[in-house]
PDB file of N, CA and C in Angstrom:
ATOM      1  N   MET A   1     -14.665-170.426 116.228  1.00  0.00           N
ATOM      2  CA  MET A   1     -15.790-170.728 115.430  1.00  0.00           C
ATOM      3  C   MET A   1     -16.791-171.592 116.207  1.00  0.00           C
ATOM      4  N   SER A   2     -18.048-171.207 116.022  1.00  0.00           N
ATOM      5  CA  SER A   2     -19.116-171.965 116.881  1.00  0.00           C
ATOM      6  C   SER A   2     -19.433-173.343 116.247  1.00  0.00           C
ATOM      7  N   ASP A   3     -19.939-174.232 117.067  1.00  0.00           N
ATOM      8  CA  ASP A   3     -20.237-175.444 116.459  1.00  0.00           C
ATOM      9  C   ASP A   3     -21.354-175.390 115.442  1.00  0.00           C
ATOM     10  N   TYR A   4     -22.142-174.389 115.450  1.00  0.00           N
ATOM     11  CA  TYR A   4     -23.184-174.096 114.464  1.00  0.00           C
ATOM     12  C   TYR A   4     -22.504-173.819 113.114  1.00  0.00           C
ATOM     13  N   ASN A   5     -21.646-172.922 113.142  1.00  0.00           N
ATOM     14  CA  ASN A   5     -20.931-172.543 111.922  1.00  0.00           C
ATOM     15  C   ASN A   5     -20.115-173.660 111.379  1.00  0.00           C
ATOM     16  N   GLU A   6     -19.474-174.340 112.288  1.00  0.00           N
ATOM     17  CA  GLU A   6     -18.468-175.403 111.959  1.00  0.00           C
ATOM     18  C   GLU A   6     -19.271-176.517 111.210  1.00  0.00           C
ATOM     19  N   LYS A   7     -20.502-176.854 111.703  1.00  0.00           N
ATOM     20  CA  LYS A   7     -21.368-177.892 110.955  1.00  0.00           C
ATOM     21  C   LYS A   7     -21.565-177.496 109.582  1.00  0.00           C
ATOM     22  N   TYR A   8     -21.999-176.224 109.428  1.00  0.00           N
ATOM     23  CA  TYR A   8     -22.292-175.790 108.099  1.00  0.00           C
ATOM     24  C   TYR A   8     -21.040-175.738 107.207  1.00  0.00           C
ATOM     25  N   ASP A   9     -19.948-175.236 107.752  1.00  0.00           N
ATOM     26  CA  ASP A   9     -18.651-175.210 106.981  1.00  0.00           C
ATOM     27  C   ASP A   9     -18.283-176.724 106.465  1.00  0.00           C
ATOM     28  N   LEU A  10     -18.417-177.611 107.453  1.00  0.00           N
ATOM     29  CA  LEU A  10     -18.158-179.044 107.008  1.00  0.00           C
ATOM     30  C   LEU A  10     -19.053-179.485 105.974  1.00  0.00           C
ATOM     31  N   LEU A  11     -20.368-179.094 105.918  1.00  0.00           N
ATOM     32  CA  LEU A  11     -21.253-179.493 104.865  1.00  0.00           C
ATOM     33  C   LEU A  11     -20.995-178.865 103.635  1.00  0.00           C
ATOM     34  N   VAL A  12     -20.635-177.573 103.673  1.00  0.00           N
ATOM     35  CA  VAL A  12     -20.219-176.870 102.476  1.00  0.00           C
ATOM     36  C   VAL A  12     -18.942-177.549 101.892  1.00  0.00           C
ATOM     37  N   SER A  13     -18.028-177.806 102.661  1.00  0.00           N
ATOM     38  CA  SER A  13     -16.684-178.401 102.178  1.00  0.00           C
ATOM     39  C   SER A  13     -16.933-179.809 101.627  1.00  0.00           C
ATOM     40  N   SER A  14     -17.733-180.558 102.208  1.00  0.00           N
ATOM     41  CA  SER A  14     -18.014-181.838 101.698  1.00  0.00           C
ATOM     42  C   SER A  14     -18.821-181.823 100.326  1.00  0.00           C
ATOM     43  N   ALA A  15     -19.758-180.808 100.269  1.00  0.00           N
ATOM     44  CA  ALA A  15     -20.453-180.621  98.962  1.00  0.00           C
ATOM     45  C   ALA A  15     -19.519-180.201  97.844  1.00  0.00           C
ATOM     46  N   VAL A  16     -18.569-179.316  98.136  1.00  0.00           N
ATOM     47  CA  VAL A  16     -17.580-178.792  97.112  1.00  0.00           C
ATOM     48  C   VAL A  16     -16.811-180.020  96.756  1.00  0.00           C
ATOM     49  N   ALA A  17     -16.394-180.815  97.656  1.00  0.00           N
ATOM     50  CA  ALA A  17     -15.577-182.069  97.272  1.00  0.00           C
ATOM     51  C   ALA A  17     -16.225-182.981  96.470  1.00  0.00           C
ATOM     52  N   ALA A  18     -17.541-183.164  96.669  1.00  0.00           N
ATOM     53  CA  ALA A  18     -18.426-184.063  95.881  1.00  0.00           C
ATOM     54  C   ALA A  18     -18.755-183.496  94.447  1.00  0.00           C
ATOM     55  N   LEU A  19     -18.772-182.168  94.364  1.00  0.00           N
ATOM     56  CA  LEU A  19     -19.071-181.527  93.089  1.00  0.00           C
ATOM     57  C   LEU A  19     -17.779-181.647  92.279  1.00  0.00           C
ATOM     58  N   GLU A  20     -16.579-181.434  92.859  1.00  0.00           N
ATOM     59  CA  GLU A  20     -15.333-181.571  92.165  1.00  0.00           C
ATOM     60  C   GLU A  20     -15.201-183.014  91.564  1.00  0.00           C
ATOM     61  N   GLU A  21     -15.583-184.071  92.351  1.00  0.00           N
ATOM     62  CA  GLU A  21     -15.471-185.352  91.904  1.00  0.00           C
ATOM     63  C   GLU A  21     -16.576-185.670  90.814  1.00  0.00           C
ATOM     64  N   LEU A  22     -17.753-185.068  90.914  1.00  0.00           N
ATOM     65  CA  LEU A  22     -18.715-185.213  89.882  1.00  0.00           C
ATOM     66  C   LEU A  22     -18.257-184.729  88.639  1.00  0.00           C
ATOM     67  N   LYS A  23     -17.487-183.713  88.544  1.00  0.00           N
ATOM     68  CA  LYS A  23     -17.021-183.090  87.221  1.00  0.00           C
ATOM     69  C   LYS A  23     -16.300-184.235  86.399  1.00  0.00           C
ATOM     70  N   LYS A  24     -15.661-185.058  87.084  1.00  0.00           N
ATOM     71  CA  LYS A  24     -15.008-186.299  86.291  1.00  0.00           C
ATOM     72  C   LYS A  24     -15.956-187.130  85.464  1.00  0.00           C
ATOM     73  N   PHE A  25     -17.230-187.136  85.999  1.00  0.00           N
ATOM     74  CA  PHE A  25     -18.264-187.868  85.272  1.00  0.00           C
ATOM     75  C   PHE A  25     -19.091-187.123  84.292  1.00  0.00           C
ATOM     76  N   GLU A  26     -19.113-185.825  84.439  1.00  0.00           N
ATOM     77  CA  GLU A  26     -19.974-184.926  83.645  1.00  0.00           C
ATOM     78  C   GLU A  26     -19.638-185.068  82.227  1.00  0.00           C
ATOM     79  N   ASN A  27     -18.446-185.052  81.802  1.00  0.00           N
ATOM     80  CA  ASN A  27     -18.001-185.168  80.401  1.00  0.00           C
ATOM     81  C   ASN A  27     -18.403-186.440  79.723  1.00  0.00           C
ATOM     82  N   GLN A  28     -18.735-187.357  80.520  1.00  0.00           N
ATOM     83  CA  GLN A  28     -19.102-188.741  80.002  1.00  0.00           C
ATOM     84  C   GLN A  28     -20.651-188.884  80.141  1.00  0.00           C
ATOM     85  N   GLY A  29     -21.438-187.989  79.978  1.00  0.00           N
ATOM     86  CA  GLY A  29     -22.783-187.899  80.224  1.00  0.00           C
ATOM     87  C   GLY A  29     -23.657-189.079  79.829  1.00  0.00           C
ATOM     88  N   SER A  30     -23.310-189.643  78.561  1.00  0.00           N
ATOM     89  CA  SER A  30     -24.068-190.750  78.117  1.00  0.00           C
ATOM     90  C   SER A  30     -23.812-192.054  78.873  1.00  0.00           C
ATOM     91  N   SER A  31     -22.675-192.133  79.535  1.00  0.00           N
ATOM     92  CA  SER A  31     -22.317-193.189  80.405  1.00  0.00           C
ATOM     93  C   SER A  31     -22.911-192.998  81.793  1.00  0.00           C
ATOM     94  N   TYR A  32     -23.095-191.767  82.232  1.00  0.00           N
ATOM     95  CA  TYR A  32     -23.592-191.511  83.598  1.00  0.00           C
ATOM     96  C   TYR A  32     -24.767-190.457  83.509  1.00  0.00           C
ATOM     97  N   PRO A  33     -25.928-190.908  83.118  1.00  0.00           N
ATOM     98  CA  PRO A  33     -27.018-190.142  82.961  1.00  0.00           C
ATOM     99  C   PRO A  33     -27.587-189.505  84.262  1.00  0.00           C
ATOM    100  N   TRP A  34     -27.061-190.127  85.340  1.00  0.00           N
ATOM    101  CA  TRP A  34     -27.654-189.603  86.726  1.00  0.00           C
ATOM    102  C   TRP A  34     -26.886-188.465  87.315  1.00  0.00           C
ATOM    103  N   VAL A  35     -25.718-188.156  86.631  1.00  0.00           N
ATOM    104  CA  VAL A  35     -24.845-187.168  87.161  1.00  0.00           C
ATOM    105  C   VAL A  35     -25.512-185.765  87.403  1.00  0.00           C
ATOM    106  N   GLU A  36     -26.394-185.343  86.390  1.00  0.00           N
ATOM    107  CA  GLU A  36     -27.003-184.039  86.552  1.00  0.00           C
ATOM    108  C   GLU A  36     -28.051-184.077  87.753  1.00  0.00           C
ATOM    109  N   SER A  37     -28.626-185.105  87.996  1.00  0.00           N
ATOM    110  CA  SER A  37     -29.499-185.059  89.165  1.00  0.00           C
ATOM    111  C   SER A  37     -28.810-184.961  90.428  1.00  0.00           C
ATOM    112  N   ILE A  38     -27.731-185.718  90.613  1.00  0.00           N
ATOM    113  CA  ILE A  38     -26.995-185.597  91.771  1.00  0.00           C
ATOM    114  C   ILE A  38     -26.348-184.237  91.962  1.00  0.00           C
ATOM    115  N   LYS A  39     -25.737-183.934  90.836  1.00  0.00           N
ATOM    116  CA  LYS A  39     -25.152-182.480  90.852  1.00  0.00           C
ATOM    117  C   LYS A  39     -26.025-181.386  91.388  1.00  0.00           C
ATOM    118  N   ASN A  40     -27.247-181.398  90.719  1.00  0.00           N
ATOM    119  CA  ASN A  40     -28.205-180.361  91.259  1.00  0.00           C
ATOM    120  C   ASN A  40     -28.523-180.503  92.639  1.00  0.00           C
ATOM    121  N   GLN A  41     -28.680-181.652  93.177  1.00  0.00           N
ATOM    122  CA  GLN A  41     -29.025-181.805  94.644  1.00  0.00           C
ATOM    123  C   GLN A  41     -27.832-181.271  95.447  1.00  0.00           C
ATOM    124  N   ILE A  42     -26.644-181.683  95.053  1.00  0.00           N
ATOM    125  CA  ILE A  42     -25.423-181.349  95.922  1.00  0.00           C
ATOM    126  C   ILE A  42     -25.244-179.762  95.859  1.00  0.00           C
ATOM    127  N   GLU A  43     -25.574-179.079  94.701  1.00  0.00           N
ATOM    128  CA  GLU A  43     -25.445-177.768  94.525  1.00  0.00           C
ATOM    129  C   GLU A  43     -26.436-176.983  95.478  1.00  0.00           C
ATOM    130  N   PHE A  44     -27.748-177.646  95.450  1.00  0.00           N
ATOM    131  CA  PHE A  44     -28.825-177.071  96.386  1.00  0.00           C
ATOM    132  C   PHE A  44     -28.372-177.116  97.765  1.00  0.00           C
ATOM    133  N   ILE A  45     -27.743-178.210  98.247  1.00  0.00           N
ATOM    134  CA  ILE A  45     -27.260-178.495  99.630  1.00  0.00           C
ATOM    135  C   ILE A  45     -26.101-177.396  99.853  1.00  0.00           C
ATOM    136  N   LYS A  46     -25.202-177.347  99.046  1.00  0.00           N
ATOM    137  CA  LYS A  46     -24.113-176.320  99.218  1.00  0.00           C
ATOM    138  C   LYS A  46     -24.536-174.853  99.299  1.00  0.00           C
ATOM    139  N   THR A  47     -25.473-174.520  98.365  1.00  0.00           N
ATOM    140  CA  THR A  47     -25.938-173.118  98.489  1.00  0.00           C
ATOM    141  C   THR A  47     -26.658-172.777  99.727  1.00  0.00           C
ATOM    142  N   HIS A  48     -27.463-173.699 100.199  1.00  0.00           N
ATOM    143  CA  HIS A  48     -28.166-173.337 101.489  1.00  0.00           C
ATOM    144  C   HIS A  48     -27.311-173.468 102.723  1.00  0.00           C
ATOM    145  N   ALA A  49     -26.360-174.346 102.622  1.00  0.00           N
ATOM    146  CA  ALA A  49     -25.485-174.499 103.678  1.00  0.00           C
ATOM    147  C   ALA A  49     -24.562-173.175 103.777  1.00  0.00           C
ATOM    148  N   GLU A  50     -24.177-172.612 102.692  1.00  0.00           N
ATOM    149  CA  GLU A  50     -23.412-171.400 102.639  1.00  0.00           C
ATOM    150  C   GLU A  50     -24.110-170.286 103.298  1.00  0.00           C
ATOM    151  N   ASN A  51     -25.546-170.305 103.168  1.00  0.00           N
ATOM    152  CA  ASN A  51     -26.292-169.407 103.825  1.00  0.00           C
ATOM    153  C   ASN A  51     -26.725-169.684 105.175  1.00  0.00           C
ATOM    154  N   ARG A  52     -26.151-170.784 105.809  1.00  0.00           N
ATOM    155  CA  ARG A  52     -26.561-171.202 107.098  1.00  0.00           C
ATOM    156  C   ARG A  52     -28.043-171.603 107.124  1.00  0.00           C
ATOM    157  N   LYS A  53     -28.520-172.204 106.196  1.00  0.00           N
ATOM    158  CA  LYS A  53     -29.949-172.682 106.149  1.00  0.00           C
ATOM    159  C   LYS A  53     -29.931-174.140 105.970  1.00  0.00           C
ATOM    160  N   ASN A  54     -30.647-174.861 106.747  1.00  0.00           N
ATOM    161  CA  ASN A  54     -30.783-176.204 106.634  1.00  0.00           C
ATOM    162  C   ASN A  54     -31.346-176.660 105.222  1.00  0.00           C
ATOM    163  N   PRO A  55     -30.596-177.405 104.423  1.00  0.00           N
ATOM    164  CA  PRO A  55     -31.100-177.768 103.156  1.00  0.00           C
ATOM    165  C   PRO A  55     -32.240-178.642 103.184  1.00  0.00           C
ATOM    166  N   VAL A  56     -32.410-179.401 104.260  1.00  0.00           N
ATOM    167  CA  VAL A  56     -33.539-180.426 104.257  1.00  0.00           C
ATOM    168  C   VAL A  56     -34.812-179.607 104.463  1.00  0.00           C
ATOM    169  N   LYS A  57     -34.800-178.528 105.289  1.00  0.00           N
ATOM    170  CA  LYS A  57     -35.974-177.739 105.517  1.00  0.00           C
ATOM    171  C   LYS A  57     -36.230-176.891 104.346  1.00  0.00           C
ATOM    172  N   GLU A  58     -35.243-176.523 103.548  1.00  0.00           N
ATOM    173  CA  GLU A  58     -35.395-175.596 102.402  1.00  0.00           C
ATOM    174  C   GLU A  58     -36.008-176.387 101.321  1.00  0.00           C
ATOM    175  N   LEU A  59     -36.094-177.748 101.360  1.00  0.00           N
ATOM    176  CA  LEU A  59     -36.616-178.582 100.318  1.00  0.00           C
ATOM    177  C   LEU A  59     -38.129-178.330 100.275  1.00  0.00           C
ATOM    178  N   GLY A  60     -38.787-178.179 101.397  1.00  0.00           N
ATOM    179  CA  GLY A  60     -40.140-177.972 101.334  1.00  0.00           C
ATOM    180  C   GLY A  60     -40.999-179.293 101.665  1.00  0.00           C
ATOM    181  N   ASN A  61     -42.286-179.167 101.479  1.00  0.00           N
ATOM    182  CA  ASN A  61     -43.277-180.194 101.901  1.00  0.00           C
ATOM    183  C   ASN A  61     -43.017-181.553 101.331  1.00  0.00           C
ATOM    184  N   GLY A  62     -42.530-182.429 102.371  1.00  0.00           N
ATOM    185  CA  GLY A  62     -42.384-183.766 101.924  1.00  0.00           C
ATOM    186  C   GLY A  62     -41.384-184.261 101.036  1.00  0.00           C
ATOM    187  N   LYS A  63     -40.633-183.315 100.459  1.00  0.00           N
ATOM    188  CA  LYS A  63     -39.565-183.595  99.522  1.00  0.00           C
ATOM    189  C   LYS A  63     -38.358-184.137 100.235  1.00  0.00           C
ATOM    190  N   THR A  64     -37.579-185.025  99.523  1.00  0.00           N
ATOM    191  CA  THR A  64     -36.357-185.489 100.014  1.00  0.00           C
ATOM    192  C   THR A  64     -35.227-185.597  99.067  1.00  0.00           C
ATOM    193  N   PHE A  65     -34.038-185.550  99.482  1.00  0.00           N
ATOM    194  CA  PHE A  65     -32.913-185.844  98.621  1.00  0.00           C
ATOM    195  C   PHE A  65     -32.951-187.325  98.314  1.00  0.00           C
ATOM    196  N   ASN A  66     -32.635-187.563  96.951  1.00  0.00           N
ATOM    197  CA  ASN A  66     -32.491-188.969  96.500  1.00  0.00           C
ATOM    198  C   ASN A  66     -31.092-189.321  95.958  1.00  0.00           C
ATOM    199  N   TYR A  67     -30.174-188.399  96.004  1.00  0.00           N
ATOM    200  CA  TYR A  67     -28.866-188.735  95.551  1.00  0.00           C
ATOM    201  C   TYR A  67     -28.247-189.940  96.138  1.00  0.00           C
ATOM    202  N   GLY A  68     -28.533-190.208  97.425  1.00  0.00           N
ATOM    203  CA  GLY A  68     -27.993-191.424  98.031  1.00  0.00           C
ATOM    204  C   GLY A  68     -28.552-192.724  97.355  1.00  0.00           C
ATOM    205  N   ILE A  69     -29.809-192.698  97.036  1.00  0.00           N
ATOM    206  CA  ILE A  69     -30.436-193.881  96.451  1.00  0.00           C
ATOM    207  C   ILE A  69     -29.818-194.034  94.971  1.00  0.00           C
ATOM    208  N   VAL A  70     -29.721-192.827  94.346  1.00  0.00           N
ATOM    209  CA  VAL A  70     -29.323-192.879  92.931  1.00  0.00           C
ATOM    210  C   VAL A  70     -27.855-193.387  92.852  1.00  0.00           C
ATOM    211  N   SER A  71     -27.009-192.855  93.833  1.00  0.00           N
ATOM    212  CA  SER A  71     -25.591-193.249  93.846  1.00  0.00           C
ATOM    213  C   SER A  71     -25.469-194.780  94.210  1.00  0.00           C
ATOM    214  N   SER A  72     -26.217-195.318  95.123  1.00  0.00           N
ATOM    215  CA  SER A  72     -26.128-196.609  95.583  1.00  0.00           C
ATOM    216  C   SER A  72     -26.457-197.512  94.533  1.00  0.00           C
ATOM    217  N   ARG A  73     -27.277-197.121  93.637  1.00  0.00           N
ATOM    218  CA  ARG A  73     -27.760-197.868  92.433  1.00  0.00           C
ATOM    219  C   ARG A  73     -26.780-197.887  91.346  1.00  0.00           C
ATOM    220  N   ASN A  74     -26.040-196.855  91.114  1.00  0.00           N
ATOM    221  CA  ASN A  74     -25.294-196.566  90.006  1.00  0.00           C
ATOM    222  C   ASN A  74     -23.689-196.676  90.259  1.00  0.00           C
ATOM    223  N   LEU A  75     -23.322-196.440  91.401  1.00  0.00           N
ATOM    224  CA  LEU A  75     -21.908-196.319  91.678  1.00  0.00           C
ATOM    225  C   LEU A  75     -21.301-197.704  92.224  1.00  0.00           C
ATOM    226  N   THR A  76     -20.976-198.573  91.318  1.00  0.00           N
ATOM    227  CA  THR A  76     -20.509-199.902  91.645  1.00  0.00           C
ATOM    228  C   THR A  76     -19.082-200.307  91.375  1.00  0.00           C
ATOM    229  N   SER A  77     -18.528-199.587  90.390  1.00  0.00           N
ATOM    230  CA  SER A  77     -17.139-199.848  90.108  1.00  0.00           C
ATOM    231  C   SER A  77     -16.145-199.118  90.921  1.00  0.00           C
ATOM    232  N   PRO A  78     -14.976-199.810  91.068  1.00  0.00           N
ATOM    233  CA  PRO A  78     -13.789-199.293  91.770  1.00  0.00           C
ATOM    234  C   PRO A  78     -13.545-197.687  91.449  1.00  0.00           C
ATOM    235  N   ASP A  79     -13.657-197.425  90.190  1.00  0.00           N
ATOM    236  CA  ASP A  79     -13.561-195.942  89.737  1.00  0.00           C
ATOM    237  C   ASP A  79     -14.462-195.038  90.292  1.00  0.00           C
ATOM    238  N   GLU A  80     -15.602-195.553  90.628  1.00  0.00           N
ATOM    239  CA  GLU A  80     -16.801-194.623  91.180  1.00  0.00           C
ATOM    240  C   GLU A  80     -16.826-194.633  92.781  1.00  0.00           C
ATOM    241  N   GLU A  81     -15.893-195.369  93.418  1.00  0.00           N
ATOM    242  CA  GLU A  81     -15.883-195.513  94.823  1.00  0.00           C
ATOM    243  C   GLU A  81     -15.526-194.156  95.478  1.00  0.00           C
ATOM    244  N   VAL A  82     -14.637-193.433  94.921  1.00  0.00           N
ATOM    245  CA  VAL A  82     -14.268-192.063  95.404  1.00  0.00           C
ATOM    246  C   VAL A  82     -15.606-191.150  95.488  1.00  0.00           C
ATOM    247  N   LEU A  83     -16.225-191.158  94.393  1.00  0.00           N
ATOM    248  CA  LEU A  83     -17.407-190.323  94.426  1.00  0.00           C
ATOM    249  C   LEU A  83     -18.401-190.740  95.399  1.00  0.00           C
ATOM    250  N   LYS A  84     -18.597-192.070  95.547  1.00  0.00           N
ATOM    251  CA  LYS A  84     -19.495-192.525  96.543  1.00  0.00           C
ATOM    252  C   LYS A  84     -19.135-192.137  97.931  1.00  0.00           C
ATOM    253  N   ASP A  85     -17.885-192.296  98.310  1.00  0.00           N
ATOM    254  CA  ASP A  85     -17.370-191.814  99.552  1.00  0.00           C
ATOM    255  C   ASP A  85     -17.542-190.339  99.778  1.00  0.00           C
ATOM    256  N   LYS A  86     -17.368-189.561  98.794  1.00  0.00           N
ATOM    257  CA  LYS A  86     -17.576-188.083  98.920  1.00  0.00           C
ATOM    258  C   LYS A  86     -19.042-187.800  99.113  1.00  0.00           C
ATOM    259  N   LEU A  87     -19.974-188.518  98.460  1.00  0.00           N
ATOM    260  CA  LEU A  87     -21.436-188.276  98.701  1.00  0.00           C
ATOM    261  C   LEU A  87     -21.828-188.827 100.043  1.00  0.00           C
ATOM    262  N   ASP A  88     -21.101-189.899 100.496  1.00  0.00           N
ATOM    263  CA  ASP A  88     -21.465-190.253 101.875  1.00  0.00           C
ATOM    264  C   ASP A  88     -21.097-189.221 102.865  1.00  0.00           C
ATOM    265  N   ASP A  89     -19.911-188.606 102.577  1.00  0.00           N
ATOM    266  CA  ASP A  89     -19.462-187.445 103.573  1.00  0.00           C
ATOM    267  C   ASP A  89     -20.604-186.257 103.586  1.00  0.00           C
ATOM    268  N   VAL A  90     -21.108-185.986 102.373  1.00  0.00           N
ATOM    269  CA  VAL A  90     -22.164-184.956 102.464  1.00  0.00           C
ATOM    270  C   VAL A  90     -23.330-185.476 103.179  1.00  0.00           C
ATOM    271  N   THR A  91     -23.776-186.743 103.055  1.00  0.00           N
ATOM    272  CA  THR A  91     -24.742-187.224 103.799  1.00  0.00           C
ATOM    273  C   THR A  91     -24.572-187.186 105.342  1.00  0.00           C
ATOM    274  N   GLU A  92     -23.342-187.508 105.702  1.00  0.00           N
ATOM    275  CA  GLU A  92     -22.950-187.520 107.149  1.00  0.00           C
ATOM    276  C   GLU A  92     -23.088-186.081 107.579  1.00  0.00           C
ATOM    277  N   ASN A  93     -22.547-185.075 106.957  1.00  0.00           N
ATOM    278  CA  ASN A  93     -22.493-183.710 107.325  1.00  0.00           C
ATOM    279  C   ASN A  93     -23.956-183.079 107.326  1.00  0.00           C
ATOM    280  N   LEU A  94     -24.679-183.527 106.346  1.00  0.00           N
ATOM    281  CA  LEU A  94     -26.119-183.136 106.235  1.00  0.00           C
ATOM    282  C   LEU A  94     -26.881-183.496 107.527  1.00  0.00           C
ATOM    283  N   GLN A  95     -26.551-184.842 108.111  1.00  0.00           N
ATOM    284  CA  GLN A  95     -27.244-185.265 109.156  1.00  0.00           C
ATOM    285  C   GLN A  95     -26.883-184.329 110.411  1.00  0.00           C
ATOM    286  N   ASN A  96     -25.715-183.833 110.386  1.00  0.00           N
ATOM    287  CA  ASN A  96     -25.280-182.933 111.508  1.00  0.00           C
ATOM    288  C   ASN A  96     -26.038-181.630 111.588  1.00  0.00           C
ATOM    289  N   VAL A  97     -26.709-181.261 110.536  1.00  0.00           N
ATOM    290  CA  VAL A  97     -27.538-179.983 110.552  1.00  0.00           C
ATOM    291  C   VAL A  97     -29.061-180.314 110.503  1.00  0.00           C
ATOM    292  N   TRP A  98     -29.290-181.615 110.534  1.00  0.00           N
ATOM    293  CA  TRP A  98     -30.696-182.007 110.285  1.00  0.00           C
ATOM    294  C   TRP A  98     -31.747-181.234 111.275  1.00  0.00           C
ATOM    295  N   ASP A  99     -31.399-181.105 112.449  1.00  0.00           N
ATOM    296  CA  ASP A  99     -32.311-180.405 113.374  1.00  0.00           C
ATOM    297  C   ASP A  99     -32.250-178.994 113.504  1.00  0.00           C
ATOM    298  N   ASP A 100     -31.315-178.403 112.760  1.00  0.00           N
ATOM    299  CA  ASP A 100     -31.221-176.789 112.846  1.00  0.00           C
ATOM    300  C   ASP A 100     -32.314-176.151 112.335  1.00  0.00           C
TER     301      ASP A 100
END
């Protein structure tokens, strides 16, 4: 597997793991109103990474992902730490494709 494909595979994998973890919070929507926003962003990242397109470039003019900001403001309890770690993995893998 090429480094190029591996970077995107890792991004997809981390996005899938984050989406799985987000499902635990979806059913408690009133307690976690930010879940939908983060979920939509991670699904966008996953979809474009699956197609070997840089999600950052696919956002368009001056737009940015804000799931990191949303999660840092809202994920503070020990129960939420796993989700924060999975979102951090997405960010790390997203940085690996930043210049593609």
